[in-house]
Amino acid sequence: MSMRVLDWQALVGGVLSIHEQTAMTIGVFDGVHRGHQALIAKILRQGPIPTVITFRQSPKRILNPETYGGDIVSLSQKLAIFEDLGVSQTILIDFSENFSTLKGQEFIDALIRWGKLAYLVIGSNFRCGYRLDTDAVRISAMNADRGIITDVVPPVKEGALPVSSSRIRSAIGAGDFIRARAALGRNVAIDVGGIPPICRTEGLVFDLASSYRVIPPEGRYRVVVYEPGGGTAGKGREMEIAISAGKICIPHEGSVPLQVGWIEFVSL
């Protein structure tokens, strides 16, 4: 059974309905790294209808685009990973001006009313609401008054440091795919399916910089290229690609036009 994907505004506007109690976890989930996977594992094991609440675009990208470090995974990748992990439904929030002024308690109230929240899992450093007015401790107390169990999970660590999206961005930006893979629990993969390619003599060129993606350093890399819709579970083509000036160039091979969905960095 495929994962159900719902729109937040449609849900709280009464256009869509959730009829059964849910187990939820909340976050940006950029990378869906090992720390995120620990949260998801809890809703899969202990709660009804495992549900992820996340954003179509990172709030940091919307609020501070000039300093944003780039997405580790695209929305398409993120949803595919959720589904592979066994999530039953995902609720997508558009980080709008209206949503950004919502207080933390109002957000949790909406999850209870419209999302049928019965069990919540959040990280110990989780905060939500206008100006981040509500932390994990307060959420636990609010939910306890209503008989809703809240599990607050400490960070997953890689060595002495917590696994984090910012550290993974830093690793990819430095070309340290070993460190990034250790934190992600899988190889680094870039989704170029939503980026219009430029066809040049040397190959297909994808502009990562204009698409808010994390960009590895300039150089040549051994990768596996997958066709659109194939994900990394299907059969890919191993080849060498070049990265320069924020762009990936995938060379033409033979007379058959190459269709590109995902690029997985496998040679370290």
Protein backbone atom coordinates (compact mmCIF):
# COMPACT_ATOMS: atom_id res chain seq x y z
CA MET A 1 0.00 0.00 0.00
CA SER A 2 1.46 3.39 -1.02
CA MET A 3 1.99 6.20 1.45
CA ARG A 4 -0.74 8.82 1.66
CA VAL A 5 0.45 12.43 1.15
CA LEU A 6 -1.79 15.19 2.53
CA ASP A 7 -1.70 18.98 2.33
CA TRP A 8 -1.74 20.83 5.66
CA GLN A 9 -4.04 23.64 4.52
CA ALA A 10 -6.52 21.19 3.03
CA LEU A 11 -6.48 19.21 6.27
CA VAL A 12 -7.06 22.11 8.69
CA GLY A 13 -9.52 23.66 6.23
CA GLY A 14 -11.72 20.57 6.45
CA VAL A 15 -11.21 19.59 2.80
CA LEU A 16 -9.42 16.38 3.80
CA SER A 17 -10.10 14.18 6.81
CA ILE A 18 -8.16 11.81 9.04
CA HIS A 19 -10.52 9.44 10.81
CA GLU A 20 -8.15 7.19 12.79
CA GLN A 21 -5.73 8.02 15.59
CA THR A 22 -2.19 8.70 14.48
CA ALA A 23 1.37 8.46 15.78
CA MET A 24 3.30 11.52 14.61
CA THR A 25 6.78 12.92 14.37
CA ILE A 26 7.56 16.46 13.21
CA GLY A 27 10.50 18.12 11.50
CA VAL A 28 12.17 19.42 8.36
CA PHE A 29 13.85 16.01 7.91
CA ASP A 30 16.40 17.27 5.40
CA GLY A 31 18.48 14.23 4.52
CA VAL A 32 16.24 11.89 6.56
CA HIS A 33 19.45 11.00 8.39
CA ARG A 34 20.00 8.46 11.19
CA GLY A 35 18.64 10.85 13.82
CA HIS A 36 15.45 11.33 11.82
CA GLN A 37 15.22 7.59 11.24
CA ALA A 38 15.30 7.02 15.02
CA LEU A 39 12.21 9.22 15.40
CA ILE A 40 10.41 7.45 12.56
CA ALA A 41 11.32 4.02 13.96
CA LYS A 42 9.46 4.88 17.17
CA ILE A 43 6.20 5.83 15.46
CA LEU A 44 6.46 2.66 13.37
CA ARG A 45 6.94 0.43 16.42
CA GLN A 46 4.71 2.02 19.03
CA GLY A 47 1.91 3.98 17.47
CA PRO A 48 -1.14 3.77 15.20
CA ILE A 49 -0.99 5.09 11.61
CA PRO A 50 2.63 6.32 11.53
CA THR A 51 2.55 9.89 10.22
CA VAL A 52 5.29 12.40 9.41
CA ILE A 53 4.67 16.17 9.54
CA THR A 54 7.17 18.04 7.38
CA PHE A 55 7.60 20.99 4.99
CA ARG A 56 7.51 21.28 1.21
CA GLN A 57 10.48 23.65 1.51
CA SER A 58 12.81 24.22 4.43
CA PRO A 59 11.72 27.27 6.48
CA LYS A 60 15.38 28.36 6.55
CA ARG A 61 15.41 28.44 2.76
CA ILE A 62 12.35 30.70 2.75
CA LEU A 63 13.42 32.98 5.61
CA ASN A 64 17.14 33.27 4.77
CA PRO A 65 17.72 32.19 1.15
CA GLU A 66 21.01 34.09 0.88
CA THR A 67 22.63 32.09 3.70
CA TYR A 68 20.83 28.77 3.27
CA GLY A 69 23.27 25.89 2.76
CA GLY A 70 21.10 23.94 0.32
CA ASP A 71 18.84 20.88 0.45
CA ILE A 72 20.46 17.49 1.08
CA VAL A 73 17.51 15.74 -0.54
CA SER A 74 14.65 16.94 -2.75
CA LEU A 75 11.03 16.65 -1.65
CA SER A 76 10.64 13.71 -4.03
CA GLN A 77 13.60 11.93 -2.42
CA LYS A 78 12.31 12.68 1.07
CA LEU A 79 8.88 11.21 0.36
CA ALA A 80 10.42 8.13 -1.26
CA ILE A 81 12.59 7.52 1.81
CA PHE A 82 9.60 7.93 4.15
CA GLU A 83 7.67 5.37 2.14
CA ASP A 84 10.61 2.95 2.06
CA LEU A 85 10.87 3.21 5.86
CA GLY A 86 7.19 2.27 6.23
CA VAL A 87 5.50 5.62 6.96
CA SER A 88 1.74 5.42 6.27
CA GLN A 89 1.08 9.10 5.63
CA THR A 90 2.93 12.40 5.34
CA ILE A 91 1.41 15.84 5.89
CA LEU A 92 3.14 18.64 3.95
CA ILE A 93 3.19 22.20 5.26
CA ASP A 94 3.79 25.24 3.08
CA PHE A 95 5.74 27.62 5.30
CA SER A 96 3.65 30.72 4.65
CA GLU A 97 3.36 34.01 6.53
CA ASN A 98 0.16 32.75 8.16
CA PHE A 99 1.77 29.52 9.31
CA SER A 100 4.87 31.31 10.64
CA THR A 101 2.72 33.34 13.08
CA LEU A 102 1.02 30.24 14.52
CA LYS A 103 1.89 29.72 18.18
CA GLY A 104 3.29 26.38 19.26
CA GLN A 105 0.25 25.49 21.33
CA GLU A 106 -2.05 26.34 18.39
CA PHE A 107 0.01 24.07 16.14
CA ILE A 108 -0.20 21.15 18.59
CA ASP A 109 -3.93 21.80 19.06
CA ALA A 110 -4.38 21.55 15.28
CA LEU A 111 -2.51 18.24 15.19
CA ILE A 112 -4.83 16.87 17.86
CA ARG A 113 -8.01 18.17 16.29
CA TRP A 114 -7.35 17.61 12.59
CA GLY A 115 -4.58 15.01 12.66
CA LYS A 116 -6.10 12.83 15.40
CA LEU A 117 -2.77 12.88 17.26
CA ALA A 118 -2.54 10.11 19.87
CA TYR A 119 1.24 9.60 20.19
CA LEU A 120 4.03 12.07 19.42
CA VAL A 121 7.78 11.57 18.97
CA ILE A 122 10.09 14.61 18.83
CA GLY A 123 13.78 15.32 19.27
CA SER A 124 15.00 16.83 22.53
CA ASN A 125 16.01 20.05 20.72
CA PHE A 126 12.66 20.41 18.91
CA ARG A 127 10.94 23.78 19.04
CA CYS A 128 7.93 25.11 17.14
CA GLY A 129 5.59 28.07 16.96
CA TYR A 130 5.98 31.80 16.42
CA ARG A 131 9.56 32.76 17.31
CA LEU A 132 10.02 29.13 18.44
CA ASP A 133 7.91 29.78 21.54
CA THR A 134 7.28 26.12 22.42
CA ASP A 135 9.95 23.52 23.23
CA ALA A 136 9.85 19.74 23.76
CA VAL A 137 9.38 20.04 27.54
CA ARG A 138 6.34 22.27 27.19
CA ILE A 139 4.85 20.09 24.45
CA SER A 140 5.21 17.01 26.68
CA ALA A 141 3.42 18.78 29.52
CA MET A 142 0.58 20.04 27.28
CA ASN A 143 0.05 16.60 25.79
CA ALA A 144 0.20 14.85 29.17
CA ASP A 145 -2.77 16.94 30.35
CA ARG A 146 -4.76 15.45 27.44
CA GLY A 147 -3.60 11.87 27.87
CA ILE A 148 -1.32 11.96 24.81
CA ILE A 149 2.03 10.23 25.17
CA THR A 150 5.05 12.26 24.02
CA ASP A 151 8.43 10.59 23.55
CA VAL A 152 11.35 13.02 23.60
CA VAL A 153 14.33 11.38 21.91
CA PRO A 154 17.97 12.44 22.49
CA PRO A 155 20.20 13.08 19.46
CA VAL A 156 21.79 10.13 17.68
CA LYS A 157 25.57 10.54 17.78
CA GLU A 158 28.31 9.77 15.30
CA GLY A 159 31.37 9.61 17.53
CA ALA A 160 31.18 12.41 20.08
CA LEU A 161 28.96 14.71 18.01
CA PRO A 162 25.23 14.53 17.24
CA VAL A 163 24.13 13.63 13.72
CA SER A 164 22.70 16.76 12.11
CA SER A 165 21.69 18.06 8.70
CA SER A 166 24.14 20.96 9.02
CA ARG A 167 27.06 18.59 9.61
CA ILE A 168 25.99 16.48 6.62
CA ARG A 169 25.86 19.61 4.43
CA SER A 170 29.34 20.46 5.59
CA ALA A 171 30.60 16.94 4.79
CA ILE A 172 29.10 16.95 1.28
CA GLY A 173 30.41 20.47 0.66
CA ALA A 174 33.89 19.23 1.58
CA GLY A 175 33.57 16.11 -0.58
CA ASP A 176 33.69 13.86 2.50
CA PHE A 177 31.17 11.26 1.31
CA ILE A 178 32.34 8.73 3.91
CA ARG A 179 31.36 11.03 6.79
CA ALA A 180 28.09 11.98 5.06
CA ARG A 181 27.22 8.33 4.43
CA ALA A 182 27.87 7.44 8.09
CA ALA A 183 25.38 10.11 9.20
CA LEU A 184 22.79 9.39 6.49
CA GLY A 185 22.94 5.61 6.70
CA ARG A 186 23.20 5.44 2.90
CA ASN A 187 25.20 6.92 0.04
CA VAL A 188 24.80 10.57 -0.90
CA ALA A 189 22.36 10.88 -3.82
CA ILE A 190 21.34 14.03 -5.68
CA ASP A 191 17.93 14.22 -7.35
CA VAL A 192 18.21 16.17 -10.60
CA GLY A 193 14.83 15.06 -11.95
CA GLY A 194 13.26 18.45 -11.26
CA ILE A 195 16.13 20.49 -12.72
CA PRO A 196 15.80 21.31 -16.45
CA PRO A 197 18.95 19.96 -18.17
CA ILE A 198 21.04 21.96 -20.60
CA CYS A 199 22.20 19.81 -23.52
CA ARG A 200 25.78 20.57 -24.51
CA THR A 201 28.36 18.84 -26.65
CA GLU A 202 30.05 17.31 -23.63
CA GLY A 203 26.82 16.07 -22.04
CA LEU A 204 23.78 17.05 -19.97
CA VAL A 205 24.37 19.89 -17.53
CA PHE A 206 22.28 20.39 -14.36
CA ASP A 207 22.54 23.66 -12.42
CA LEU A 208 22.51 22.68 -8.75
CA ALA A 209 23.26 26.18 -7.48
CA SER A 210 20.01 27.61 -8.87
CA SER A 211 18.01 24.76 -7.33
CA TYR A 212 19.09 25.17 -3.70
CA ARG A 213 20.97 21.84 -3.57
CA VAL A 214 24.05 21.02 -1.52
CA ILE A 215 26.96 21.02 -3.96
CA PRO A 216 30.05 18.80 -3.68
CA PRO A 217 33.42 20.43 -4.48
CA GLU A 218 34.56 20.86 -8.05
CA GLY A 219 36.11 17.73 -9.50
CA ARG A 220 35.41 14.42 -11.18
CA TYR A 221 33.44 11.68 -9.43
CA ARG A 222 32.54 8.05 -10.01
CA VAL A 223 28.76 7.73 -9.64
CA VAL A 224 25.77 5.61 -10.54
CA VAL A 225 23.14 7.39 -12.62
CA TYR A 226 19.51 6.26 -12.37
CA GLU A 227 16.69 7.02 -14.78
CA PRO A 228 13.64 9.06 -13.66
CA GLY A 229 11.29 7.03 -11.48
CA GLY A 230 13.86 4.31 -10.91
CA GLY A 231 15.11 5.53 -7.56
CA THR A 232 18.24 3.89 -6.23
CA ALA A 233 16.57 0.50 -6.02
CA GLY A 234 16.64 -0.03 -9.77
CA LYS A 235 19.55 -0.69 -12.10
CA GLY A 236 21.75 2.32 -12.74
CA ARG A 237 24.67 3.12 -15.03
CA GLU A 238 28.09 3.64 -13.52
CA MET A 239 30.08 6.50 -15.03
CA GLU A 240 32.32 9.47 -14.28
CA ILE A 241 30.81 12.94 -14.01
CA ALA A 242 32.25 16.42 -13.55
CA ILE A 243 31.19 19.16 -11.15
CA SER A 244 32.19 22.75 -11.87
CA ALA A 245 30.78 26.16 -10.93
CA GLY A 246 27.80 24.62 -9.14
CA LYS A 247 26.85 22.48 -12.13
CA ILE A 248 26.93 18.72 -12.76
CA CYS A 249 27.86 17.52 -16.24
CA ILE A 250 26.84 13.99 -17.20
CA PRO A 251 28.56 12.85 -20.41
CA HIS A 252 26.63 11.48 -23.37
CA GLU A 253 27.04 7.75 -23.92
CA GLY A 254 26.46 6.52 -27.46
CA SER A 255 23.59 7.69 -29.64
CA VAL A 256 20.78 7.03 -27.14
CA PRO A 257 19.83 10.18 -25.16
CA LEU A 258 20.49 9.70 -21.45
CA GLN A 259 17.51 10.16 -19.09
CA VAL A 260 18.64 11.20 -15.61
CA GLY A 261 16.71 11.06 -12.35
CA TRP A 262 19.13 10.51 -9.47
CA ILE A 263 22.92 10.51 -9.14
CA GLU A 264 24.43 8.35 -6.40
CA PHE A 265 28.00 8.96 -5.25
CA VAL A 266 29.47 5.49 -4.71
CA SER A 267 33.20 5.76 -5.36
CA LEU A 268 34.97 7.18 -2.33
